[in-house]
Amino acid sequence: MAKTNQIQQVADKVQLLLKHYHESQKNLQKLFKENASLQQQLADKNDQVAKLQQSVEALRLTSSNLNEDVKKDLEKRINTYLREIDNCIALLNG
């Protein structure tokens, strides 16, 4: 009888472990979907930021008479921002 009881206890524990495993798998899938959604939202926001930055810089360039050195400096800064955003997106996409 003791062996049967032990076998039943092991079987119960295995069933409990399987239940926890399946719950964890469901939770993991939910987190993967949420992560993908958040990454997409971040990419969209980064695109918006980049477009707005470009618009602001374009307005600055067109609204004032800047010398070539200032224009080149602005272009370098914009390109630096865009590279940083691209790097952030690449890191998120892993």
N, C-alpha and C. Protein backbone atom coordinates (compact mmCIF):
# COMPACT_ATOMS: atom_id res chain seq x y z
N MET A 1 0.80 -1.19 0.00
CA MET A 1 0.00 0.00 0.00
C MET A 1 0.85 1.27 0.00
N ALA A 2 1.92 1.26 0.71
CA ALA A 2 2.76 2.45 0.82
C ALA A 2 3.32 2.84 -0.54
N LYS A 3 3.71 1.84 -1.33
CA LYS A 3 4.25 2.14 -2.66
C LYS A 3 3.17 2.73 -3.57
N THR A 4 1.97 2.22 -3.46
CA THR A 4 0.87 2.75 -4.26
C THR A 4 0.58 4.19 -3.86
N ASN A 5 0.64 4.45 -2.59
CA ASN A 5 0.41 5.80 -2.09
C ASN A 5 1.51 6.75 -2.58
N GLN A 6 2.75 6.29 -2.55
CA GLN A 6 3.87 7.09 -3.04
C GLN A 6 3.74 7.35 -4.53
N ILE A 7 3.34 6.34 -5.27
CA ILE A 7 3.17 6.50 -6.72
C ILE A 7 2.07 7.53 -6.99
N GLN A 8 1.00 7.47 -6.24
CA GLN A 8 -0.10 8.43 -6.40
C GLN A 8 0.36 9.85 -6.08
N GLN A 9 1.18 9.99 -5.04
CA GLN A 9 1.70 11.31 -4.68
C GLN A 9 2.59 11.86 -5.79
N VAL A 10 3.43 11.01 -6.35
CA VAL A 10 4.30 11.43 -7.45
C VAL A 10 3.45 11.83 -8.66
N ALA A 11 2.44 11.02 -8.96
CA ALA A 11 1.56 11.32 -10.09
C ALA A 11 0.84 12.65 -9.86
N ASP A 12 0.40 12.91 -8.64
CA ASP A 12 -0.26 14.18 -8.33
C ASP A 12 0.68 15.35 -8.52
N LYS A 13 1.92 15.17 -8.08
CA LYS A 13 2.91 16.23 -8.22
C LYS A 13 3.24 16.48 -9.69
N VAL A 14 3.31 15.42 -10.47
CA VAL A 14 3.56 15.56 -11.90
C VAL A 14 2.41 16.32 -12.56
N GLN A 15 1.19 16.00 -12.18
CA GLN A 15 0.03 16.70 -12.73
C GLN A 15 0.06 18.19 -12.35
N LEU A 16 0.44 18.47 -11.13
CA LEU A 16 0.53 19.85 -10.68
C LEU A 16 1.62 20.60 -11.46
N LEU A 17 2.75 19.92 -11.65
CA LEU A 17 3.83 20.53 -12.43
C LEU A 17 3.38 20.80 -13.87
N LEU A 18 2.67 19.87 -14.46
CA LEU A 18 2.16 20.07 -15.83
C LEU A 18 1.20 21.25 -15.89
N LYS A 19 0.35 21.35 -14.88
CA LYS A 19 -0.59 22.47 -14.82
C LYS A 19 0.17 23.79 -14.76
N HIS A 20 1.16 23.87 -13.89
CA HIS A 20 1.98 25.08 -13.78
C HIS A 20 2.73 25.37 -15.07
N TYR A 21 3.22 24.33 -15.70
CA TYR A 21 3.94 24.49 -16.96
C TYR A 21 3.02 25.09 -18.03
N HIS A 22 1.82 24.57 -18.16
CA HIS A 22 0.89 25.07 -19.17
C HIS A 22 0.48 26.51 -18.87
N GLU A 23 0.28 26.82 -17.61
CA GLU A 23 -0.04 28.20 -17.22
C GLU A 23 1.12 29.14 -17.56
N SER A 24 2.33 28.67 -17.31
CA SER A 24 3.51 29.48 -17.62
C SER A 24 3.65 29.69 -19.12
N GLN A 25 3.37 28.66 -19.89
CA GLN A 25 3.44 28.79 -21.34
C GLN A 25 2.42 29.81 -21.86
N LYS A 26 1.22 29.78 -21.32
CA LYS A 26 0.19 30.75 -21.72
C LYS A 26 0.63 32.16 -21.35
N ASN A 27 1.17 32.30 -20.16
CA ASN A 27 1.64 33.61 -19.70
C ASN A 27 2.79 34.10 -20.58
N LEU A 28 3.69 33.20 -20.93
CA LEU A 28 4.82 33.56 -21.78
C LEU A 28 4.35 34.04 -23.14
N GLN A 29 3.39 33.34 -23.73
CA GLN A 29 2.85 33.76 -25.03
C GLN A 29 2.20 35.14 -24.93
N LYS A 30 1.48 35.36 -23.85
CA LYS A 30 0.86 36.67 -23.63
C LYS A 30 1.92 37.75 -23.54
N LEU A 31 3.00 37.48 -22.83
CA LEU A 31 4.08 38.45 -22.69
C LEU A 31 4.80 38.70 -24.01
N PHE A 32 4.96 37.65 -24.83
CA PHE A 32 5.57 37.83 -26.14
C PHE A 32 4.71 38.75 -27.00
N LYS A 33 3.39 38.54 -26.97
CA LYS A 33 2.50 39.40 -27.75
C LYS A 33 2.54 40.84 -27.25
N GLU A 34 2.55 41.00 -25.94
CA GLU A 34 2.61 42.35 -25.37
C GLU A 34 3.93 43.02 -25.72
N ASN A 35 5.01 42.27 -25.68
CA ASN A 35 6.32 42.80 -26.03
C ASN A 35 6.34 43.26 -27.49
N ALA A 36 5.80 42.44 -28.38
CA ALA A 36 5.77 42.80 -29.79
C ALA A 36 4.95 44.06 -30.00
N SER A 37 3.84 44.15 -29.31
CA SER A 37 2.99 45.34 -29.42
C SER A 37 3.72 46.58 -28.92
N LEU A 38 4.40 46.45 -27.81
CA LEU A 38 5.14 47.59 -27.25
C LEU A 38 6.31 47.99 -28.14
N GLN A 39 6.96 47.02 -28.73
CA GLN A 39 8.05 47.34 -29.65
C GLN A 39 7.53 48.09 -30.86
N GLN A 40 6.36 47.67 -31.37
CA GLN A 40 5.78 48.37 -32.50
C GLN A 40 5.39 49.79 -32.13
N GLN A 41 4.81 49.95 -30.95
CA GLN A 41 4.44 51.28 -30.48
C GLN A 41 5.67 52.17 -30.34
N LEU A 42 6.75 51.59 -29.81
CA LEU A 42 7.98 52.35 -29.66
C LEU A 42 8.54 52.75 -31.02
N ALA A 43 8.52 51.83 -31.96
CA ALA A 43 9.01 52.14 -33.30
C ALA A 43 8.17 53.24 -33.93
N ASP A 44 6.87 53.16 -33.76
CA ASP A 44 5.98 54.21 -34.30
C ASP A 44 6.29 55.57 -33.67
N LYS A 45 6.47 55.57 -32.36
CA LYS A 45 6.78 56.83 -31.67
C LYS A 45 8.14 57.36 -32.10
N ASN A 46 9.11 56.47 -32.27
CA ASN A 46 10.43 56.91 -32.73
C ASN A 46 10.35 57.49 -34.13
N ASP A 47 9.53 56.90 -34.98
CA ASP A 47 9.34 57.45 -36.32
C ASP A 47 8.72 58.84 -36.24
N GLN A 48 7.74 58.99 -35.37
CA GLN A 48 7.11 60.29 -35.20
C GLN A 48 8.12 61.32 -34.71
N VAL A 49 8.92 60.93 -33.74
CA VAL A 49 9.94 61.84 -33.19
C VAL A 49 10.91 62.25 -34.29
N ALA A 50 11.36 61.28 -35.06
CA ALA A 50 12.32 61.58 -36.13
C ALA A 50 11.71 62.52 -37.16
N LYS A 51 10.47 62.27 -37.53
CA LYS A 51 9.80 63.15 -38.50
C LYS A 51 9.62 64.55 -37.95
N LEU A 52 9.23 64.64 -36.68
CA LEU A 52 9.07 65.95 -36.07
C LEU A 52 10.41 66.68 -35.96
N GLN A 53 11.45 65.95 -35.62
CA GLN A 53 12.77 66.58 -35.55
C GLN A 53 13.20 67.09 -36.92
N GLN A 54 12.93 66.29 -37.93
CA GLN A 54 13.28 66.72 -39.28
C GLN A 54 12.47 67.96 -39.67
N SER A 55 11.20 67.97 -39.31
CA SER A 55 10.36 69.12 -39.63
C SER A 55 10.84 70.38 -38.92
N VAL A 56 11.18 70.23 -37.66
CA VAL A 56 11.67 71.38 -36.89
C VAL A 56 12.96 71.90 -37.50
N GLU A 57 13.86 71.01 -37.81
CA GLU A 57 15.14 71.45 -38.39
C GLU A 57 14.93 72.06 -39.76
N ALA A 58 14.02 71.49 -40.54
CA ALA A 58 13.74 72.05 -41.87
C ALA A 58 13.15 73.45 -41.73
N LEU A 59 12.26 73.63 -40.77
CA LEU A 59 11.69 74.95 -40.54
C LEU A 59 12.76 75.95 -40.11
N ARG A 60 13.64 75.50 -39.26
CA ARG A 60 14.73 76.39 -38.83
C ARG A 60 15.61 76.78 -40.01
N LEU A 61 15.90 75.81 -40.85
CA LEU A 61 16.77 76.09 -41.99
C LEU A 61 16.10 77.02 -42.99
N THR A 62 14.82 76.83 -43.22
CA THR A 62 14.13 77.65 -44.21
C THR A 62 13.71 79.01 -43.67
N SER A 63 13.56 79.11 -42.36
CA SER A 63 13.07 80.37 -41.80
C SER A 63 14.20 81.35 -41.48
N SER A 64 15.40 80.92 -41.51
CA SER A 64 16.50 81.83 -41.21
C SER A 64 17.62 81.64 -42.22
N ASN A 65 18.38 82.66 -42.34
CA ASN A 65 19.53 82.61 -43.24
C ASN A 65 20.75 82.14 -42.46
N LEU A 66 21.03 80.87 -42.56
CA LEU A 66 22.14 80.29 -41.83
C LEU A 66 23.33 80.13 -42.76
N ASN A 67 24.49 80.29 -42.19
CA ASN A 67 25.67 80.06 -43.02
C ASN A 67 25.89 78.55 -43.18
N GLU A 68 26.75 78.19 -44.07
CA GLU A 68 26.97 76.78 -44.40
C GLU A 68 27.46 75.96 -43.21
N ASP A 69 28.29 76.54 -42.37
CA ASP A 69 28.81 75.81 -41.21
C ASP A 69 27.68 75.43 -40.26
N VAL A 70 26.76 76.33 -40.02
CA VAL A 70 25.63 76.05 -39.14
C VAL A 70 24.73 74.98 -39.76
N LYS A 71 24.51 75.08 -41.06
CA LYS A 71 23.68 74.08 -41.75
C LYS A 71 24.31 72.70 -41.66
N LYS A 72 25.61 72.62 -41.88
CA LYS A 72 26.30 71.33 -41.79
C LYS A 72 26.24 70.77 -40.38
N ASP A 73 26.39 71.64 -39.39
CA ASP A 73 26.29 71.20 -38.01
C ASP A 73 24.91 70.64 -37.70
N LEU A 74 23.89 71.31 -38.19
CA LEU A 74 22.52 70.84 -37.98
C LEU A 74 22.30 69.49 -38.66
N GLU A 75 22.80 69.35 -39.87
CA GLU A 75 22.67 68.07 -40.58
C GLU A 75 23.37 66.95 -39.82
N LYS A 76 24.54 67.22 -39.28
CA LYS A 76 25.26 66.21 -38.50
C LYS A 76 24.47 65.81 -37.26
N ARG A 77 23.89 66.79 -36.57
CA ARG A 77 23.10 66.48 -35.38
C ARG A 77 21.88 65.65 -35.72
N ILE A 78 21.22 66.02 -36.80
CA ILE A 78 20.03 65.25 -37.23
C ILE A 78 20.43 63.82 -37.55
N ASN A 79 21.49 63.66 -38.30
CA ASN A 79 21.95 62.31 -38.65
C ASN A 79 22.35 61.52 -37.41
N THR A 80 22.95 62.17 -36.44
CA THR A 80 23.31 61.51 -35.19
C THR A 80 22.06 61.04 -34.46
N TYR A 81 21.05 61.90 -34.39
CA TYR A 81 19.79 61.51 -33.75
C TYR A 81 19.16 60.32 -34.46
N LEU A 82 19.15 60.37 -35.77
CA LEU A 82 18.54 59.28 -36.53
C LEU A 82 19.28 57.96 -36.32
N ARG A 83 20.61 58.02 -36.27
CA ARG A 83 21.40 56.81 -36.02
C ARG A 83 21.11 56.26 -34.62
N GLU A 84 21.01 57.15 -33.64
CA GLU A 84 20.72 56.71 -32.28
C GLU A 84 19.35 56.04 -32.20
N ILE A 85 18.38 56.60 -32.86
CA ILE A 85 17.04 56.01 -32.89
C ILE A 85 17.08 54.65 -33.58
N ASP A 86 17.78 54.57 -34.71
CA ASP A 86 17.91 53.30 -35.41
C ASP A 86 18.59 52.25 -34.54
N ASN A 87 19.61 52.65 -33.79
CA ASN A 87 20.30 51.72 -32.89
C ASN A 87 19.37 51.24 -31.78
N CYS A 88 18.57 52.13 -31.25
CA CYS A 88 17.60 51.74 -30.21
C CYS A 88 16.61 50.73 -30.75
N ILE A 89 16.11 50.98 -31.94
CA ILE A 89 15.16 50.06 -32.55
C ILE A 89 15.82 48.72 -32.81
N ALA A 90 17.05 48.74 -33.29
CA ALA A 90 17.76 47.49 -33.57
C ALA A 90 17.99 46.70 -32.28
N LEU A 91 18.30 47.39 -31.20
CA LEU A 91 18.50 46.70 -29.92
C LEU A 91 17.20 46.09 -29.42
N LEU A 92 16.11 46.79 -29.62
CA LEU A 92 14.83 46.25 -29.19
C LEU A 92 14.42 45.03 -30.00
N ASN A 93 14.76 45.06 -31.28
CA ASN A 93 14.41 43.93 -32.14
C ASN A 93 15.33 42.75 -31.91
N GLY A 94 16.44 43.04 -31.24
CA GLY A 94 17.37 42.01 -30.79
C GLY A 94 17.82 41.08 -31.82
